[in-house]
Amino acid sequence: MTAPAAPAATRPAARPTAPLTSLPALAGTLPAPAVDAVLRAALQEDAPYGDITSQVLIPAQARATAVLNARVPGVLSGGEVFAAAMKLTDAGAVVELLVNDGEAFTAGTALARVTGNARAVLLAERVGLNLVQRMSAIATRTAEFVALVHGTGARITDTRKTTPGLRVLERYAVRCGGGANHRFSLSDAVLAKDNHLAVLTGSDPAKLTEVLRGAKAQLGHTTHFEVEVDTMEQIEPVLAAGVDTIMLDNFSLAELAAGVELVGGRARVEASGNVNLATVADIAATGVDVISIGALTHSVTALDLGLDIELDVEPGPVSAPEQTAG
């Protein structure tokens, strides 16, 4: 049955800026099979045996029109996901997307309109809302970070700190906000972190170059190789191994600037750790190429969007709920 909507916490007055990503670039970047798999799992969780509330209260042939409205400002992500949720429960539903993914909107904006079978709309309501609220929160937060580093050349990226099972949607939401994606999974690129290096070198920087060269020799020429360092002394040994990106983890602003100068264009420089809306502009000003931020996905609060539904109910008896075995 449809779960009661949890009250969505409103965030401080947002100042969404139109993302740097062009809207056409988003088209076709959210795989339909992945969306379908997420929606089917979510609907199975939310209504494993149907929505008994709607079955006993809403006539089977009743129609409904529902409008997805913004209670607060933000940047939209997940419009197609919302539409797919509605069409999954009613293939004949008509869904109008009134705002494109990646577009900023103000409070009170109508984002989408759906017309279809009333029971089906109510069945898909919570699943569609949960996903579009979370995705739009991620897009909105990303757009805030992107706006703060505009003009510096630094790229805002996400991390693997995503909700299990929702990574493909949350990564897409980051792109809607004008950000970029880091490696999608452990299978996509090498990222040697402090724990890897401590095991292999015993924390001895002198062994770094040899160890990293040996690892790189096992890779194909298209595989990206990134190494995380937490001291200035590690930078030269890592660069000597010919890595593609060096991550300066939890460096101070002065250390970041010095690290960028020391690298001198020999590798891409990524900053990570202690990144928030108050610090990101200063971090970008040090000259780093990439700023990775786990908070884009791991700690956002669902954006306050609501689905306002009007039923078109003809007088008549309500059909009995279907009986299931067991």
Foldseek 3Di string as FASTA:
>chain_A
DADDDDDFDADPAADFDQAPQDQVVLPPLQDPVLLVVLLVVVLCVRAVPADQVCLQPAAQQWKKKKWKFAQAKFAWAQLVSLVVLLCVLPVPKDKAQPDGQRDIDGHGDTGMMIMDGPSSCSSSVVVSQVLRQQLRLLLRQLLLLNVLQPPLLAAEEEDQLADPSCLSRNQSSNVSNHHHYDASDPPQAAEAEPVNCCVVPVPDLVCQLVVLLVVVVPDDPPHAHEYEDADLSNLVSNLNNQHAEYEHEPDDLVVLLVSCVVCPPSHQYEYEDPDDSVCSNSNSNSRHNYYYDNCSHNDGTGRDIDMDMDMDGDDDHRDRDDDDDD
